[in-house]
Protein backbone atom coordinates (compact mmCIF):
# COMPACT_ATOMS: atom_id res chain seq x y z
CA MET A 1 -10.04 25.47 -5.94
CA PHE A 2 -8.97 26.94 -2.74
CA VAL A 3 -5.35 26.98 -1.48
CA GLY A 4 -4.07 26.05 -4.96
CA HIS A 5 -5.12 29.60 -5.92
CA TYR A 6 -2.29 30.89 -3.75
CA GLY A 7 0.57 29.18 -5.84
CA PRO A 8 0.43 31.93 -8.42
CA ALA A 9 0.49 34.34 -5.41
CA PHE A 10 3.82 33.11 -4.17
CA ALA A 11 5.25 32.73 -7.68
CA GLY A 12 4.17 36.35 -8.50
CA LYS A 13 7.24 37.40 -6.43
CA ALA A 14 9.57 35.80 -8.84
CA VAL A 15 8.49 38.24 -11.46
CA ALA A 16 7.85 41.34 -9.68
CA ARG A 17 9.81 41.35 -6.40
CA SER A 18 8.56 44.79 -5.24
CA VAL A 19 5.07 43.66 -5.03
CA PRO A 20 4.30 42.63 -1.40
CA LEU A 21 2.90 39.07 -0.67
CA TRP A 22 0.00 40.10 1.03
CA THR A 23 -1.13 42.09 -2.13
CA LEU A 24 -0.64 39.01 -4.39
CA PHE A 25 -2.54 36.96 -1.78
CA LEU A 26 -5.46 39.41 -1.88
CA ALA A 27 -5.25 39.55 -5.64
CA VAL A 28 -5.74 35.97 -6.38
CA GLN A 29 -8.84 35.72 -4.22
CA LEU A 30 -10.04 39.04 -5.34
CA VAL A 31 -13.02 37.69 -7.19
CA ASP A 32 -13.89 35.34 -4.03
CA VAL A 33 -13.90 38.25 -1.73
CA ALA A 34 -16.30 40.05 -4.03
CA TRP A 35 -18.42 36.88 -4.63
CA GLY A 36 -18.49 36.16 -0.53
CA LEU A 37 -19.82 39.76 -0.12
CA PHE A 38 -22.26 39.17 -3.37
CA ILE A 39 -23.44 35.91 -1.73
CA ALA A 40 -24.02 37.39 1.47
CA HIS A 41 -26.19 40.27 0.16
CA GLY A 42 -28.01 38.29 -2.52
CA ILE A 43 -26.35 39.76 -5.39
CA GLU A 44 -25.02 36.26 -6.47
CA HIS A 45 -26.51 33.07 -5.50
CA VAL A 46 -25.22 29.52 -4.43
CA ARG A 47 -27.09 26.30 -3.41
CA PHE A 48 -25.69 23.95 -0.81
CA VAL A 49 -26.47 20.30 -2.34
CA PRO A 50 -24.77 17.51 -0.53
CA GLY A 51 -22.67 15.38 -2.71
CA PHE A 52 -23.21 17.77 -5.64
CA THR A 53 -19.29 17.00 -6.23
CA GLU A 54 -16.82 14.99 -4.40
CA ALA A 55 -14.77 18.08 -3.37
CA ASN A 56 -17.62 20.14 -2.05
CA PRO A 57 -21.46 20.59 -1.87
CA LEU A 58 -21.64 24.04 -4.07
CA ASP A 59 -23.91 24.52 -6.78
CA LEU A 60 -22.63 27.79 -7.86
CA TYR A 61 -25.38 28.38 -10.33
CA ASP A 62 -25.41 32.25 -10.48
CA MET A 63 -22.04 34.37 -10.38
CA PRO A 64 -21.96 36.54 -13.55
CA ILE A 65 -20.19 39.32 -12.01
CA THR A 66 -17.28 37.65 -10.20
CA HIS A 67 -16.77 34.33 -12.19
CA SER A 68 -17.87 35.06 -15.79
CA LEU A 69 -14.96 35.42 -18.37
CA PRO A 70 -15.64 39.09 -18.89
CA GLY A 71 -16.33 39.67 -15.30
CA ALA A 72 -12.79 38.12 -14.22
CA LEU A 73 -11.03 40.10 -16.88
CA ALA A 74 -12.71 43.33 -15.57
CA TRP A 75 -11.54 42.66 -12.22
CA SER A 76 -7.95 41.86 -13.29
CA VAL A 77 -7.58 45.15 -15.16
CA ALA A 78 -9.07 47.18 -12.55
CA ALA A 79 -6.78 45.70 -9.86
CA GLY A 80 -3.69 45.94 -12.28
CA LEU A 81 -4.46 49.76 -12.67
CA ILE A 82 -5.02 50.29 -9.10
CA TYR A 83 -1.90 48.85 -8.09
CA ALA A 84 0.23 50.58 -11.03
CA ILE A 85 -1.09 53.92 -9.66
CA TRP A 86 -0.59 53.09 -6.09
CA ALA A 87 2.98 51.50 -6.38
CA ARG A 88 6.13 53.18 -5.79
CA ARG A 89 8.57 50.93 -7.82
CA GLN A 90 7.86 48.50 -10.86
CA LYS A 91 4.47 50.21 -11.58
CA VAL A 92 4.03 48.91 -14.96
CA LEU A 93 5.30 45.34 -14.32
CA GLY A 94 3.77 45.22 -10.57
CA GLY A 95 0.49 46.24 -12.31
CA VAL A 96 0.85 43.49 -14.82
CA VAL A 97 1.63 40.84 -12.14
CA VAL A 98 -1.30 41.79 -9.89
CA GLY A 99 -3.66 41.64 -12.86
CA ALA A 100 -2.40 38.31 -13.82
CA ALA A 101 -2.76 37.25 -10.35
CA VAL A 102 -6.48 38.11 -10.14
CA PHE A 103 -7.08 36.38 -13.58
CA SER A 104 -5.24 33.31 -12.71
CA HIS A 105 -8.19 32.71 -10.28
CA TRP A 106 -10.65 32.08 -13.14
CA VAL A 107 -8.05 30.07 -15.15
CA LEU A 108 -7.59 27.73 -11.92
CA ASP A 109 -11.24 27.47 -11.36
CA LEU A 110 -11.78 26.41 -14.99
CA LEU A 111 -9.81 23.01 -14.14
CA VAL A 112 -11.85 22.12 -11.06
CA HIS A 113 -15.35 23.67 -11.48
CA VAL A 114 -18.21 21.71 -12.98
CA PRO A 115 -19.52 24.04 -15.80
CA ASP A 116 -20.61 27.21 -14.08
CA LEU A 117 -18.29 29.74 -15.24
CA ALA A 118 -20.11 31.68 -17.96
CA LEU A 119 -18.15 32.73 -21.01
CA TRP A 120 -20.17 35.78 -20.81
CA PRO A 121 -23.30 36.84 -18.58
CA GLY A 122 -26.16 34.58 -19.78
CA GLY A 123 -23.78 32.67 -22.19
CA PRO A 124 -22.59 29.04 -22.06
CA LYS A 125 -20.69 27.56 -19.08
CA VAL A 126 -17.62 26.06 -18.84
CA GLY A 127 -15.49 23.95 -16.37
CA LEU A 128 -13.46 20.61 -16.57
CA GLY A 129 -14.81 19.36 -13.40
CA LEU A 130 -12.06 18.10 -11.46
CA TRP A 131 -13.91 18.71 -8.40
CA ASN A 132 -15.79 15.51 -9.29
CA ASN A 133 -12.59 13.46 -8.46
CA TYR A 134 -11.49 15.26 -5.40
CA PRO A 135 -8.02 13.38 -5.06
CA VAL A 136 -6.91 14.48 -8.46
CA ALA A 137 -8.33 17.98 -7.92
CA LEU A 138 -6.28 17.99 -4.45
CA ALA A 139 -3.17 16.77 -6.35
CA VAL A 140 -3.42 19.53 -8.73
CA GLU A 141 -3.95 22.24 -5.94
CA ALA A 142 -0.97 20.73 -4.23
CA ALA A 143 1.23 20.92 -7.00
CA VAL A 144 0.53 24.46 -7.92
CA LEU A 145 0.88 25.64 -4.46
CA VAL A 146 4.19 23.94 -3.74
CA LEU A 147 5.40 25.13 -7.34
CA GLY A 148 4.61 28.73 -6.38
CA PHE A 149 6.03 28.39 -2.93
CA PHE A 150 9.55 27.07 -4.11
CA LEU A 151 9.71 29.85 -6.47
CA TYR A 152 8.85 32.40 -3.59
CA MET A 153 11.59 30.63 -1.45
CA ARG A 154 14.10 31.16 -4.28
CA VAL A 155 13.85 34.59 -4.81
CA THR A 156 13.45 35.78 -1.13
CA GLN A 157 15.80 35.34 1.91
CA ALA A 158 15.14 35.35 5.69
CA ARG A 159 15.78 38.31 7.92
CA GLY A 160 16.28 36.17 10.89
CA LEU A 161 15.10 32.92 12.48
CA VAL A 162 11.37 33.71 12.16
CA GLY A 163 12.08 34.42 8.46
CA ARG A 164 13.35 31.00 8.12
CA ILE A 165 10.59 29.25 9.94
CA TRP A 166 7.38 31.17 9.37
CA PRO A 167 6.96 30.40 5.52
CA TRP A 168 6.95 26.54 6.36
CA VAL A 169 4.35 27.18 9.12
CA PHE A 170 2.23 29.46 6.85
CA VAL A 171 2.24 26.61 3.99
CA ALA A 172 1.31 24.11 6.80
CA LEU A 173 -1.68 26.55 7.96
CA LEU A 174 -2.80 26.48 4.22
CA ALA A 175 -2.89 22.84 4.16
CA LEU A 176 -5.02 22.81 7.30
CA ALA A 177 -7.33 25.38 5.90
CA GLU A 178 -7.89 22.93 2.90
CA VAL A 179 -8.70 20.01 5.17
CA VAL A 180 -11.24 22.32 7.18
CA ASN A 181 -12.64 23.67 3.80
CA HIS A 182 -13.13 20.20 2.58
CA GLY A 183 -14.40 18.31 5.61
CA GLY A 184 -16.13 21.16 7.58
CA PRO A 185 -19.87 21.20 8.38
CA LEU A 186 -22.22 22.77 5.86
CA PRO A 187 -23.01 26.56 6.47
CA GLU A 188 -26.30 27.53 7.89
CA SER A 189 -27.22 30.10 5.27
CA PRO A 190 -25.54 31.85 2.00
CA GLN A 191 -25.16 34.66 4.20
CA GLN A 192 -23.01 32.98 6.76
CA PHE A 193 -21.02 31.11 4.13
CA GLY A 194 -20.23 34.23 2.18
CA TYR A 195 -19.06 36.35 5.39
CA THR A 196 -17.11 33.32 6.52
CA ALA A 197 -15.34 33.10 3.18
CA VAL A 198 -14.54 36.69 3.08
CA ILE A 199 -13.05 36.49 6.69
CA SER A 200 -10.88 33.54 5.98
CA TYR A 201 -9.41 35.20 2.90
CA ILE A 202 -8.60 38.36 4.76
CA VAL A 203 -6.92 36.27 7.62
CA LEU A 204 -4.65 34.63 5.02
CA THR A 205 -3.82 37.79 3.33
CA GLY A 206 -2.79 38.90 6.98
CA LEU A 207 -0.71 35.99 7.53
CA ALA A 208 0.85 36.43 4.15
CA ALA A 209 2.08 39.98 5.22
CA LEU A 210 4.04 38.20 8.28
CA CYS A 211 6.14 36.73 5.14
CA ASP A 212 6.69 40.42 4.02
CA VAL A 213 7.91 41.44 7.54
CA THR A 214 10.38 38.27 7.96
CA ARG A 215 11.50 37.79 4.51
CA ARG A 216 13.21 40.09 1.76
CA PRO A 217 13.84 39.76 -1.94
CA ARG A 218 17.29 38.56 -2.77
């Protein structure tokens, strides 16, 4: 799953309105940011196998630190605690929401991945495999994203004209990112793929920050 992960980021504002949207955007992809860096440095591993699934060619055969169940829980707890220490308002609620946003990544991946999510490092792997039916997987992603987006729009209001327009432009850019992610050429190496993924997540986090500037909680 790619842009569908951002549905919980948008929805998080409906629970803890003091948490910046950019923080939630980073949280929902935190394990993939780490995964991209680990792939680039050979700590975790991926193979590119054309036709491996309908959605993408990624054989994600080794990612115990970032995408095992205990790994995802550890990233979630750590992120929640760090946010609770850093935040000025809604420390406990904000920390819980940020931690839940991080863990939502594993839950949504469970829907679409083929069995490559380890229940513990070296243990059995799970995944419901919606990536083998890309139209269904895409419909699920779109539904999660749209639901989260409309929750976000309900609990925020525009500071001006840009604030009314930018969220819709942003969602359109997310849709475009999904198209590129699905139909783009295969990367030349895991290193290139890892760094490209990390840069993409950071750019989208930066674009989410524009929502924080142009909109405010109701």
